[in-house]
Amino acid sequence: MSKKYLRKNEIRSDLNPNHYNKYGSPHDAIITAKKGHRYKANTKTHAEYVHGVKSLDLEPQLPEYVPHKRISPPFWQNEKQFGEKKGKVPKKLRRKIVRYNKKFIR
């Protein structure tokens, strides 16, 4: 039995203009999966609710200098709408994100 998608663990800029902040700059996104030419990602945000869905609070795991303390629900987007790789997510935080993403339809 083959996997439906390839698991990823990357932080990249979300270059989709619909996901920019109010100042017109991109948010960082946590990439969790890849299928074909599309990535499954969660964008870092300040908002408690994104499109009527409660965002995941990451407060205990993030260092104090990180400005965004929440992530949005997962979404699929073309790989060309993401910037260069910026880093990786810690293992403890990655597990929390995977559990959160399981609530949503793939």
PDB file of N, CA and C in Angstrom:
ATOM      1  N   MET A   1       0.841  -1.179   0.000  1.00  0.00           N
ATOM      2  CA  MET A   1       0.000   0.000   0.000  1.00  0.00           C
ATOM      3  C   MET A   1       0.889   1.247   0.000  1.00  0.00           C
ATOM      4  N   SER A   2       0.685   2.129  -0.937  1.00  0.00           N
ATOM      5  CA  SER A   2       1.519   3.324  -1.045  1.00  0.00           C
ATOM      6  C   SER A   2       0.906   4.501  -0.283  1.00  0.00           C
ATOM      7  N   LYS A   3       1.750   5.473   0.027  1.00  0.00           N
ATOM      8  CA  LYS A   3       1.283   6.677   0.715  1.00  0.00           C
ATOM      9  C   LYS A   3       0.502   7.557  -0.246  1.00  0.00           C
ATOM     10  N   LYS A   4      -0.456   8.287   0.282  1.00  0.00           N
ATOM     11  CA  LYS A   4      -1.214   9.225  -0.530  1.00  0.00           C
ATOM     12  C   LYS A   4      -0.418  10.498  -0.773  1.00  0.00           C
ATOM     13  N   TYR A   5       0.489  10.807   0.143  1.00  0.00           N
ATOM     14  CA  TYR A   5       1.290  12.025   0.024  1.00  0.00           C
ATOM     15  C   TYR A   5       2.618  11.831   0.750  1.00  0.00           C
ATOM     16  N   LEU A   6       3.556  12.708   0.462  1.00  0.00           N
ATOM     17  CA  LEU A   6       4.868  12.687   1.089  1.00  0.00           C
ATOM     18  C   LEU A   6       4.858  13.628   2.285  1.00  0.00           C
ATOM     19  N   ARG A   7       5.279  13.151   3.444  1.00  0.00           N
ATOM     20  CA  ARG A   7       5.325  14.007   4.633  1.00  0.00           C
ATOM     21  C   ARG A   7       6.489  14.975   4.534  1.00  0.00           C
ATOM     22  N   LYS A   8       6.244  16.219   4.949  1.00  0.00           N
ATOM     23  CA  LYS A   8       7.263  17.264   4.911  1.00  0.00           C
ATOM     24  C   LYS A   8       7.359  17.924   6.280  1.00  0.00           C
ATOM     25  N   ASN A   9       8.434  18.639   6.505  1.00  0.00           N
ATOM     26  CA  ASN A   9       8.628  19.393   7.739  1.00  0.00           C
ATOM     27  C   ASN A   9       9.453  20.628   7.393  1.00  0.00           C
ATOM     28  N   GLU A  10       8.791  21.644   6.862  1.00  0.00           N
ATOM     29  CA  GLU A  10       9.495  22.836   6.413  1.00  0.00           C
ATOM     30  C   GLU A  10       8.739  24.091   6.818  1.00  0.00           C
ATOM     31  N   ILE A  11       9.478  25.178   6.927  1.00  0.00           N
ATOM     32  CA  ILE A  11       8.876  26.503   7.107  1.00  0.00           C
ATOM     33  C   ILE A  11       9.249  27.314   5.873  1.00  0.00           C
ATOM     34  N   ARG A  12       8.249  27.866   5.198  1.00  0.00           N
ATOM     35  CA  ARG A  12       8.451  28.678   3.997  1.00  0.00           C
ATOM     36  C   ARG A  12       7.538  29.890   4.058  1.00  0.00           C
ATOM     37  N   SER A  13       7.836  30.906   3.254  1.00  0.00           N
ATOM     38  CA  SER A  13       6.950  32.066   3.139  1.00  0.00           C
ATOM     39  C   SER A  13       5.790  31.718   2.236  1.00  0.00           C
ATOM     40  N   ASP A  14       4.587  32.117   2.623  1.00  0.00           N
ATOM     41  CA  ASP A  14       3.395  31.909   1.804  1.00  0.00           C
ATOM     42  C   ASP A  14       3.238  33.133   0.906  1.00  0.00           C
ATOM     43  N   LEU A  15       3.537  32.996  -0.380  1.00  0.00           N
ATOM     44  CA  LEU A  15       3.551  34.117  -1.311  1.00  0.00           C
ATOM     45  C   LEU A  15       2.214  34.367  -1.999  1.00  0.00           C
ATOM     46  N   ASN A  16       1.167  33.685  -1.569  1.00  0.00           N
ATOM     47  CA  ASN A  16      -0.172  33.908  -2.118  1.00  0.00           C
ATOM     48  C   ASN A  16      -0.686  35.256  -1.609  1.00  0.00           C
ATOM     49  N   PRO A  17      -1.016  36.217  -2.508  1.00  0.00           N
ATOM     50  CA  PRO A  17      -1.477  37.543  -2.065  1.00  0.00           C
ATOM     51  C   PRO A  17      -2.736  37.496  -1.201  1.00  0.00           C
ATOM     52  N   ASN A  18      -3.542  36.453  -1.316  1.00  0.00           N
ATOM     53  CA  ASN A  18      -4.751  36.338  -0.488  1.00  0.00           C
ATOM     54  C   ASN A  18      -4.415  36.035   0.973  1.00  0.00           C
ATOM     55  N   HIS A  19      -3.208  35.580   1.239  1.00  0.00           N
ATOM     56  CA  HIS A  19      -2.811  35.227   2.600  1.00  0.00           C
ATOM     57  C   HIS A  19      -1.846  36.232   3.214  1.00  0.00           C
ATOM     58  N   TYR A  20      -1.625  37.379   2.575  1.00  0.00           N
ATOM     59  CA  TYR A  20      -0.738  38.404   3.128  1.00  0.00           C
ATOM     60  C   TYR A  20      -1.368  39.053   4.355  1.00  0.00           C
ATOM     61  N   ASN A  21      -0.527  39.645   5.201  1.00  0.00           N
ATOM     62  CA  ASN A  21      -1.046  40.360   6.362  1.00  0.00           C
ATOM     63  C   ASN A  21      -1.546  41.743   5.949  1.00  0.00           C
ATOM     64  N   LYS A  22      -2.025  42.525   6.896  1.00  0.00           N
ATOM     65  CA  LYS A  22      -2.625  43.824   6.563  1.00  0.00           C
ATOM     66  C   LYS A  22      -1.615  44.837   6.034  1.00  0.00           C
ATOM     67  N   TYR A  23      -0.321  44.582   6.217  1.00  0.00           N
ATOM     68  CA  TYR A  23       0.715  45.480   5.719  1.00  0.00           C
ATOM     69  C   TYR A  23       1.220  45.079   4.337  1.00  0.00           C
ATOM     70  N   GLY A  24       0.703  43.977   3.794  1.00  0.00           N
ATOM     71  CA  GLY A  24       1.076  43.540   2.461  1.00  0.00           C
ATOM     72  C   GLY A  24       2.318  42.669   2.395  1.00  0.00           C
ATOM     73  N   SER A  25       2.704  42.067   3.498  1.00  0.00           N
ATOM     74  CA  SER A  25       3.856  41.165   3.483  1.00  0.00           C
ATOM     75  C   SER A  25       3.396  39.733   3.791  1.00  0.00           C
ATOM     76  N   PRO A  26       4.142  38.728   3.309  1.00  0.00           N
ATOM     77  CA  PRO A  26       3.707  37.341   3.488  1.00  0.00           C
ATOM     78  C   PRO A  26       3.935  36.817   4.896  1.00  0.00           C
ATOM     79  N   HIS A  27       3.078  35.885   5.291  1.00  0.00           N
ATOM     80  CA  HIS A  27       3.247  35.154   6.545  1.00  0.00           C
ATOM     81  C   HIS A  27       4.126  33.939   6.276  1.00  0.00           C
ATOM     82  N   ASP A  28       4.681  33.368   7.337  1.00  0.00           N
ATOM     83  CA  ASP A  28       5.370  32.093   7.214  1.00  0.00           C
ATOM     84  C   ASP A  28       4.332  30.975   7.263  1.00  0.00           C
ATOM     85  N   ALA A  29       4.621  29.882   6.571  1.00  0.00           N
ATOM     86  CA  ALA A  29       3.730  28.727   6.559  1.00  0.00           C
ATOM     87  C   ALA A  29       4.517  27.487   6.942  1.00  0.00           C
ATOM     88  N   ILE A  30       3.869  26.590   7.666  1.00  0.00           N
ATOM     89  CA  ILE A  30       4.471  25.321   8.043  1.00  0.00           C
ATOM     90  C   ILE A  30       3.946  24.272   7.067  1.00  0.00           C
ATOM     91  N   ILE A  31       4.836  23.695   6.265  1.00  0.00           N
ATOM     92  CA  ILE A  31       4.476  22.699   5.264  1.00  0.00           C
ATOM     93  C   ILE A  31       4.481  21.334   5.938  1.00  0.00           C
ATOM     94  N   THR A  32       3.363  20.588   5.833  1.00  0.00           N
ATOM     95  CA  THR A  32       3.273  19.286   6.486  1.00  0.00           C
ATOM     96  C   THR A  32       3.197  18.123   5.506  1.00  0.00           C
ATOM     97  N   ALA A  33       2.833  18.376   4.239  1.00  0.00           N
ATOM     98  CA  ALA A  33       2.715  17.278   3.276  1.00  0.00           C
ATOM     99  C   ALA A  33       2.882  17.799   1.857  1.00  0.00           C
ATOM    100  N   LYS A  34       3.216  16.875   0.950  1.00  0.00           N
ATOM    101  CA  LYS A  34       3.336  17.209  -0.469  1.00  0.00           C
ATOM    102  C   LYS A  34       2.655  16.113  -1.270  1.00  0.00           C
ATOM    103  N   LYS A  35       1.846  16.512  -2.247  1.00  0.00           N
ATOM    104  CA  LYS A  35       1.197  15.562  -3.151  1.00  0.00           C
ATOM    105  C   LYS A  35       1.252  16.165  -4.545  1.00  0.00           C
ATOM    106  N   GLY A  36       2.028  15.554  -5.419  1.00  0.00           N
ATOM    107  CA  GLY A  36       2.213  16.108  -6.758  1.00  0.00           C
ATOM    108  C   GLY A  36       2.931  17.443  -6.671  1.00  0.00           C
ATOM    109  N   HIS A  37       2.309  18.488  -7.198  1.00  0.00           N
ATOM    110  CA  HIS A  37       2.890  19.836  -7.164  1.00  0.00           C
ATOM    111  C   HIS A  37       2.181  20.730  -6.149  1.00  0.00           C
ATOM    112  N   ARG A  38       1.541  20.121  -5.162  1.00  0.00           N
ATOM    113  CA  ARG A  38       0.809  20.886  -4.157  1.00  0.00           C
ATOM    114  C   ARG A  38       1.349  20.572  -2.765  1.00  0.00           C
ATOM    115  N   TYR A  39       1.333  21.600  -1.912  1.00  0.00           N
ATOM    116  CA  TYR A  39       1.754  21.457  -0.521  1.00  0.00           C
ATOM    117  C   TYR A  39       0.554  21.650   0.396  1.00  0.00           C
ATOM    118  N   LYS A  40       0.539  20.897   1.496  1.00  0.00           N
ATOM    119  CA  LYS A  40      -0.441  21.110   2.560  1.00  0.00           C
ATOM    120  C   LYS A  40       0.253  21.950   3.617  1.00  0.00           C
ATOM    121  N   ALA A  41      -0.342  23.092   3.962  1.00  0.00           N
ATOM    122  CA  ALA A  41       0.338  24.031   4.848  1.00  0.00           C
ATOM    123  C   ALA A  41      -0.612  24.634   5.876  1.00  0.00           C
ATOM    124  N   ASN A  42      -0.026  25.133   6.959  1.00  0.00           N
ATOM    125  CA  ASN A  42      -0.705  25.915   7.980  1.00  0.00           C
ATOM    126  C   ASN A  42       0.042  27.233   8.078  1.00  0.00           C
ATOM    127  N   THR A  43      -0.671  28.354   7.952  1.00  0.00           N
ATOM    128  CA  THR A  43      -0.043  29.662   8.014  1.00  0.00           C
ATOM    129  C   THR A  43      -0.004  30.157   9.452  1.00  0.00           C
ATOM    130  N   LYS A  44       1.111  30.773   9.851  1.00  0.00           N
ATOM    131  CA  LYS A  44       1.200  31.390  11.175  1.00  0.00           C
ATOM    132  C   LYS A  44       0.354  32.657  11.174  1.00  0.00           C
ATOM    133  N   THR A  45      -0.370  32.896  12.274  1.00  0.00           N
ATOM    134  CA  THR A  45      -1.298  34.014  12.328  1.00  0.00           C
ATOM    135  C   THR A  45      -1.483  34.517  13.758  1.00  0.00           C
ATOM    136  N   HIS A  46      -2.073  35.715  13.881  1.00  0.00           N
ATOM    137  CA  HIS A  46      -2.455  36.259  15.188  1.00  0.00           C
ATOM    138  C   HIS A  46      -3.912  35.930  15.521  1.00  0.00           C
ATOM    139  N   ALA A  47      -4.717  35.695  14.494  1.00  0.00           N
ATOM    140  CA  ALA A  47      -6.166  35.572  14.643  1.00  0.00           C
ATOM    141  C   ALA A  47      -6.560  34.321  15.421  1.00  0.00           C
ATOM    142  N   GLU A  48      -7.567  34.477  16.278  1.00  0.00           N
ATOM    143  CA  GLU A  48      -8.063  33.333  17.037  1.00  0.00           C
ATOM    144  C   GLU A  48      -8.937  32.444  16.160  1.00  0.00           C
ATOM    145  N   TYR A  49      -9.667  33.056  15.206  1.00  0.00           N
ATOM    146  CA  TYR A  49     -10.511  32.310  14.269  1.00  0.00           C
ATOM    147  C   TYR A  49     -10.121  32.684  12.844  1.00  0.00           C
ATOM    148  N   VAL A  50      -9.983  31.677  11.985  1.00  0.00           N
ATOM    149  CA  VAL A  50      -9.683  31.884  10.569  1.00  0.00           C
ATOM    150  C   VAL A  50     -10.803  31.235   9.776  1.00  0.00           C
ATOM    151  N   HIS A  51     -11.561  32.045   9.042  1.00  0.00           N
ATOM    152  CA  HIS A  51     -12.724  31.576   8.263  1.00  0.00           C
ATOM    153  C   HIS A  51     -13.710  30.810   9.143  1.00  0.00           C
ATOM    154  N   GLY A  52     -13.919  31.271  10.357  1.00  0.00           N
ATOM    155  CA  GLY A  52     -14.884  30.667  11.265  1.00  0.00           C
ATOM    156  C   GLY A  52     -14.385  29.428  11.996  1.00  0.00           C
ATOM    157  N   VAL A  53     -13.132  29.046  11.808  1.00  0.00           N
ATOM    158  CA  VAL A  53     -12.558  27.869  12.457  1.00  0.00           C
ATOM    159  C   VAL A  53     -11.503  28.327  13.455  1.00  0.00           C
ATOM    160  N   LYS A  54     -11.533  27.751  14.656  1.00  0.00           N
ATOM    161  CA  LYS A  54     -10.574  28.136  15.695  1.00  0.00           C
ATOM    162  C   LYS A  54      -9.167  27.706  15.294  1.00  0.00           C
ATOM    163  N   SER A  55      -8.224  28.639  15.369  1.00  0.00           N
ATOM    164  CA  SER A  55      -6.838  28.327  15.036  1.00  0.00           C
ATOM    165  C   SER A  55      -6.145  27.665  16.228  1.00  0.00           C
ATOM    166  N   LEU A  56      -5.057  26.952  15.964  1.00  0.00           N
ATOM    167  CA  LEU A  56      -4.327  26.219  16.995  1.00  0.00           C
ATOM    168  C   LEU A  56      -3.352  27.146  17.709  1.00  0.00           C
ATOM    169  N   ASP A  57      -3.404  27.152  19.029  1.00  0.00           N
ATOM    170  CA  ASP A  57      -2.514  27.978  19.844  1.00  0.00           C
ATOM    171  C   ASP A  57      -1.200  27.237  20.069  1.00  0.00           C
ATOM    172  N   LEU A  58      -0.082  27.867  19.725  1.00  0.00           N
ATOM    173  CA  LEU A  58       1.242  27.253  19.851  1.00  0.00           C
ATOM    174  C   LEU A  58       2.050  27.841  20.996  1.00  0.00           C
ATOM    175  N   GLU A  59       1.442  28.596  21.854  1.00  0.00           N
ATOM    176  CA  GLU A  59       2.104  29.387  22.889  1.00  0.00           C
ATOM    177  C   GLU A  59       3.209  28.665  23.656  1.00  0.00           C
ATOM    178  N   PRO A  60       2.993  27.508  24.247  1.00  0.00           N
ATOM    179  CA  PRO A  60       4.050  26.949  25.095  1.00  0.00           C
ATOM    180  C   PRO A  60       5.310  26.524  24.339  1.00  0.00           C
ATOM    181  N   GLN A  61       5.207  26.167  23.063  1.00  0.00           N
ATOM    182  CA  GLN A  61       6.357  25.627  22.350  1.00  0.00           C
ATOM    183  C   GLN A  61       7.201  26.681  21.644  1.00  0.00           C
ATOM    184  N   LEU A  62       6.686  27.875  21.418  1.00  0.00           N
ATOM    185  CA  LEU A  62       7.417  28.869  20.639  1.00  0.00           C
ATOM    186  C   LEU A  62       8.270  29.775  21.516  1.00  0.00           C
ATOM    187  N   PRO A  63       9.430  30.187  21.011  1.00  0.00           N
ATOM    188  CA  PRO A  63      10.233  31.164  21.754  1.00  0.00           C
ATOM    189  C   PRO A  63       9.521  32.528  21.798  1.00  0.00           C
ATOM    190  N   GLU A  64       9.919  33.391  22.710  1.00  0.00           N
ATOM    191  CA  GLU A  64       9.232  34.671  22.907  1.00  0.00           C
ATOM    192  C   GLU A  64       9.363  35.609  21.715  1.00  0.00           C
ATOM    193  N   TYR A  65      10.437  35.524  20.941  1.00  0.00           N
ATOM    194  CA  TYR A  65      10.642  36.459  19.838  1.00  0.00           C
ATOM    195  C   TYR A  65       9.804  36.145  18.594  1.00  0.00           C
ATOM    196  N   VAL A  66       9.111  34.993  18.559  1.00  0.00           N
ATOM    197  CA  VAL A  66       8.266  34.652  17.408  1.00  0.00           C
ATOM    198  C   VAL A  66       6.962  35.442  17.525  1.00  0.00           C
ATOM    199  N   PRO A  67       6.628  36.284  16.521  1.00  0.00           N
ATOM    200  CA  PRO A  67       5.473  37.161  16.647  1.00  0.00           C
ATOM    201  C   PRO A  67       4.119  36.462  16.501  1.00  0.00           C
ATOM    202  N   HIS A  68       4.036  35.375  15.767  1.00  0.00           N
ATOM    203  CA  HIS A  68       2.757  34.708  15.533  1.00  0.00           C
ATOM    204  C   HIS A  68       2.628  33.502  16.458  1.00  0.00           C
ATOM    205  N   LYS A  69       1.595  33.513  17.284  1.00  0.00           N
ATOM    206  CA  LYS A  69       1.436  32.484  18.300  1.00  0.00           C
ATOM    207  C   LYS A  69       0.390  31.430  17.940  1.00  0.00           C
ATOM    208  N   ARG A  70      -0.162  31.482  16.728  1.00  0.00           N
ATOM    209  CA  ARG A  70      -1.190  30.535  16.308  1.00  0.00           C
ATOM    210  C   ARG A  70      -0.945  30.107  14.869  1.00  0.00           C
ATOM    211  N   ILE A  71      -1.585  28.984  14.476  1.00  0.00           N
ATOM    212  CA  ILE A  71      -1.551  28.596  13.070  1.00  0.00           C
ATOM    213  C   ILE A  71      -2.974  28.374  12.578  1.00  0.00           C
ATOM    214  N   SER A  72      -3.172  28.618  11.292  1.00  0.00           N
ATOM    215  CA  SER A  72      -4.483  28.487  10.670  1.00  0.00           C
ATOM    216  C   SER A  72      -4.800  27.024  10.392  1.00  0.00           C
ATOM    217  N   PRO A  73      -6.055  26.727  10.042  1.00  0.00           N
ATOM    218  CA  PRO A  73      -6.392  25.376   9.585  1.00  0.00           C
ATOM    219  C   PRO A  73      -5.592  25.042   8.321  1.00  0.00           C
ATOM    220  N   PRO A  74      -5.395  23.765   8.031  1.00  0.00           N
ATOM    221  CA  PRO A  74      -4.587  23.384   6.871  1.00  0.00           C
ATOM    222  C   PRO A  74      -5.282  23.701   5.552  1.00  0.00           C
ATOM    223  N   PHE A  75      -4.476  23.957   4.533  1.00  0.00           N
ATOM    224  CA  PHE A  75      -4.985  24.192   3.191  1.00  0.00           C
ATOM    225  C   PHE A  75      -3.980  23.644   2.189  1.00  0.00           C
ATOM    226  N   TRP A  76      -4.467  23.290   0.995  1.00  0.00           N
ATOM    227  CA  TRP A  76      -3.599  22.817  -0.082  1.00  0.00           C
ATOM    228  C   TRP A  76      -3.374  23.958  -1.047  1.00  0.00           C
ATOM    229  N   GLN A  77      -2.138  24.103  -1.522  1.00  0.00           N
ATOM    230  CA  GLN A  77      -1.792  25.205  -2.415  1.00  0.00           C
ATOM    231  C   GLN A  77      -0.645  24.769  -3.329  1.00  0.00           C
ATOM    232  N   ASN A  78      -0.578  25.351  -4.521  1.00  0.00           N
ATOM    233  CA  ASN A  78       0.462  25.045  -5.487  1.00  0.00           C
ATOM    234  C   ASN A  78       1.837  25.379  -4.915  1.00  0.00           C
ATOM    235  N   GLU A  79       2.842  24.545  -5.203  1.00  0.00           N
ATOM    236  CA  GLU A  79       4.180  24.743  -4.635  1.00  0.00           C
ATOM    237  C   GLU A  79       4.846  26.027  -5.112  1.00  0.00           C
ATOM    238  N   LYS A  80       4.413  26.581  -6.230  1.00  0.00           N
ATOM    239  CA  LYS A  80       5.006  27.816  -6.745  1.00  0.00           C
ATOM    240  C   LYS A  80       4.608  29.036  -5.907  1.00  0.00           C
ATOM    241  N   GLN A  81       3.594  28.894  -5.059  1.00  0.00           N
ATOM    242  CA  GLN A  81       3.148  30.004  -4.233  1.00  0.00           C
ATOM    243  C   GLN A  81       3.816  30.018  -2.861  1.00  0.00           C
ATOM    244  N   PHE A  82       4.906  29.274  -2.723  1.00  0.00           N
ATOM    245  CA  PHE A  82       5.691  29.280  -1.493  1.00  0.00           C
ATOM    246  C   PHE A  82       7.113  29.706  -1.819  1.00  0.00           C
ATOM    247  N   GLY A  83       7.760  30.391  -0.883  1.00  0.00           N
ATOM    248  CA  GLY A  83       9.126  30.853  -1.068  1.00  0.00           C
ATOM    249  C   GLY A  83      10.139  29.767  -0.763  1.00  0.00           C
ATOM    250  N   GLU A  84      11.371  30.193  -0.542  1.00  0.00           N
ATOM    251  CA  GLU A  84      12.469  29.273  -0.232  1.00  0.00           C
ATOM    252  C   GLU A  84      12.313  28.694   1.178  1.00  0.00           C
ATOM    253  N   LYS A  85      12.935  27.555   1.398  1.00  0.00           N
ATOM    254  CA  LYS A  85      12.901  26.889   2.694  1.00  0.00           C
ATOM    255  C   LYS A  85      13.638  27.734   3.736  1.00  0.00           C
ATOM    256  N   LYS A  86      12.991  27.965   4.897  1.00  0.00           N
ATOM    257  CA  LYS A  86      13.571  28.780   5.957  1.00  0.00           C
ATOM    258  C   LYS A  86      14.076  27.955   7.140  1.00  0.00           C
ATOM    259  N   GLY A  87      13.536  26.770   7.321  1.00  0.00           N
ATOM    260  CA  GLY A  87      13.949  25.961   8.456  1.00  0.00           C
ATOM    261  C   GLY A  87      13.004  24.809   8.699  1.00  0.00           C
ATOM    262  N   LYS A  88      13.151  24.184   9.874  1.00  0.00           N
ATOM    263  CA  LYS A  88      12.322  23.047  10.257  1.00  0.00           C
ATOM    264  C   LYS A  88      11.582  23.355  11.552  1.00  0.00           C
ATOM    265  N   VAL A  89      10.546  22.575  11.800  1.00  0.00           N
ATOM    266  CA  VAL A  89       9.724  22.719  12.998  1.00  0.00           C
ATOM    267  C   VAL A  89      10.205  21.694  14.022  1.00  0.00           C
ATOM    268  N   PRO A  90      10.289  22.058  15.307  1.00  0.00           N
ATOM    269  CA  PRO A  90      10.682  21.080  16.326  1.00  0.00           C
ATOM    270  C   PRO A  90       9.717  19.896  16.381  1.00  0.00           C
ATOM    271  N   LYS A  91      10.234  18.739  16.760  1.00  0.00           N
ATOM    272  CA  LYS A  91       9.464  17.490  16.750  1.00  0.00           C
ATOM    273  C   LYS A  91       8.214  17.564  17.626  1.00  0.00           C
ATOM    274  N   LYS A  92       8.334  18.134  18.803  1.00  0.00           N
ATOM    275  CA  LYS A  92       7.198  18.241  19.732  1.00  0.00           C
ATOM    276  C   LYS A  92       6.075  19.082  19.130  1.00  0.00           C
ATOM    277  N   LEU A  93       6.439  20.186  18.504  1.00  0.00           N
ATOM    278  CA  LEU A  93       5.466  21.069  17.873  1.00  0.00           C
ATOM    279  C   LEU A  93       4.861  20.413  16.630  1.00  0.00           C
ATOM    280  N   ARG A  94       5.675  19.669  15.887  1.00  0.00           N
ATOM    281  CA  ARG A  94       5.191  18.992  14.684  1.00  0.00           C
ATOM    282  C   ARG A  94       4.102  17.981  15.031  1.00  0.00           C
ATOM    283  N   ARG A  95       4.271  17.236  16.124  1.00  0.00           N
ATOM    284  CA  ARG A  95       3.250  16.274  16.554  1.00  0.00           C
ATOM    285  C   ARG A  95       1.931  16.968  16.881  1.00  0.00           C
ATOM    286  N   LYS A  96       2.025  18.114  17.527  1.00  0.00           N
ATOM    287  CA  LYS A  96       0.824  18.878  17.877  1.00  0.00           C
ATOM    288  C   LYS A  96       0.100  19.351  16.613  1.00  0.00           C
ATOM    289  N   ILE A  97       0.831  19.777  15.606  1.00  0.00           N
ATOM    290  CA  ILE A  97       0.247  20.242  14.349  1.00  0.00           C
ATOM    291  C   ILE A  97      -0.413  19.091  13.599  1.00  0.00           C
ATOM    292  N   VAL A  98       0.224  17.927  13.570  1.00  0.00           N
ATOM    293  CA  VAL A  98      -0.334  16.759  12.888  1.00  0.00           C
ATOM    294  C   VAL A  98      -1.650  16.344  13.535  1.00  0.00           C
ATOM    295  N   ARG A  99      -1.722  16.346  14.870  1.00  0.00           N
ATOM    296  CA  ARG A  99      -2.982  16.024  15.564  1.00  0.00           C
ATOM    297  C   ARG A  99      -4.073  17.030  15.226  1.00  0.00           C
ATOM    298  N   TYR A 100      -3.719  18.308  15.153  1.00  0.00           N
ATOM    299  CA  TYR A 100      -4.676  19.362  14.801  1.00  0.00           C
ATOM    300  C   TYR A 100      -5.182  19.165  13.373  1.00  0.00           C
ATOM    301  N   ASN A 101      -4.289  18.828  12.440  1.00  0.00           N
ATOM    302  CA  ASN A 101      -4.677  18.671  11.034  1.00  0.00           C
ATOM    303  C   ASN A 101      -5.571  17.464  10.795  1.00  0.00           C
ATOM    304  N   LYS A 102      -5.517  16.450  11.675  1.00  0.00           N
ATOM    305  CA  LYS A 102      -6.347  15.270  11.505  1.00  0.00           C
ATOM    306  C   LYS A 102      -7.836  15.564  11.680  1.00  0.00           C
ATOM    307  N   LYS A 103      -8.169  16.695  12.293  1.00  0.00           N
ATOM    308  CA  LYS A 103      -9.574  17.080  12.476  1.00  0.00           C
ATOM    309  C   LYS A 103     -10.226  17.491  11.159  1.00  0.00           C
ATOM    310  N   PHE A 104      -9.410  17.849  10.173  1.00  0.00           N
ATOM    311  CA  PHE A 104      -9.930  18.398   8.937  1.00  0.00           C
ATOM    312  C   PHE A 104      -9.879  17.367   7.810  1.00  0.00           C
ATOM    313  N   ILE A 105     -10.779  17.528   6.866  1.00  0.00           N
ATOM    314  CA  ILE A 105     -10.832  16.628   5.716  1.00  0.00           C
ATOM    315  C   ILE A 105      -9.594  16.816   4.881  1.00  0.00           C
ATOM    316  N   ARG A 106      -9.023  15.727   4.440  1.00  0.00           N
ATOM    317  CA  ARG A 106      -7.821  15.800   3.621  1.00  0.00           C
ATOM    318  C   ARG A 106      -8.240  16.145   2.241  1.00  0.00           C
TER     319      ARG A 106
END
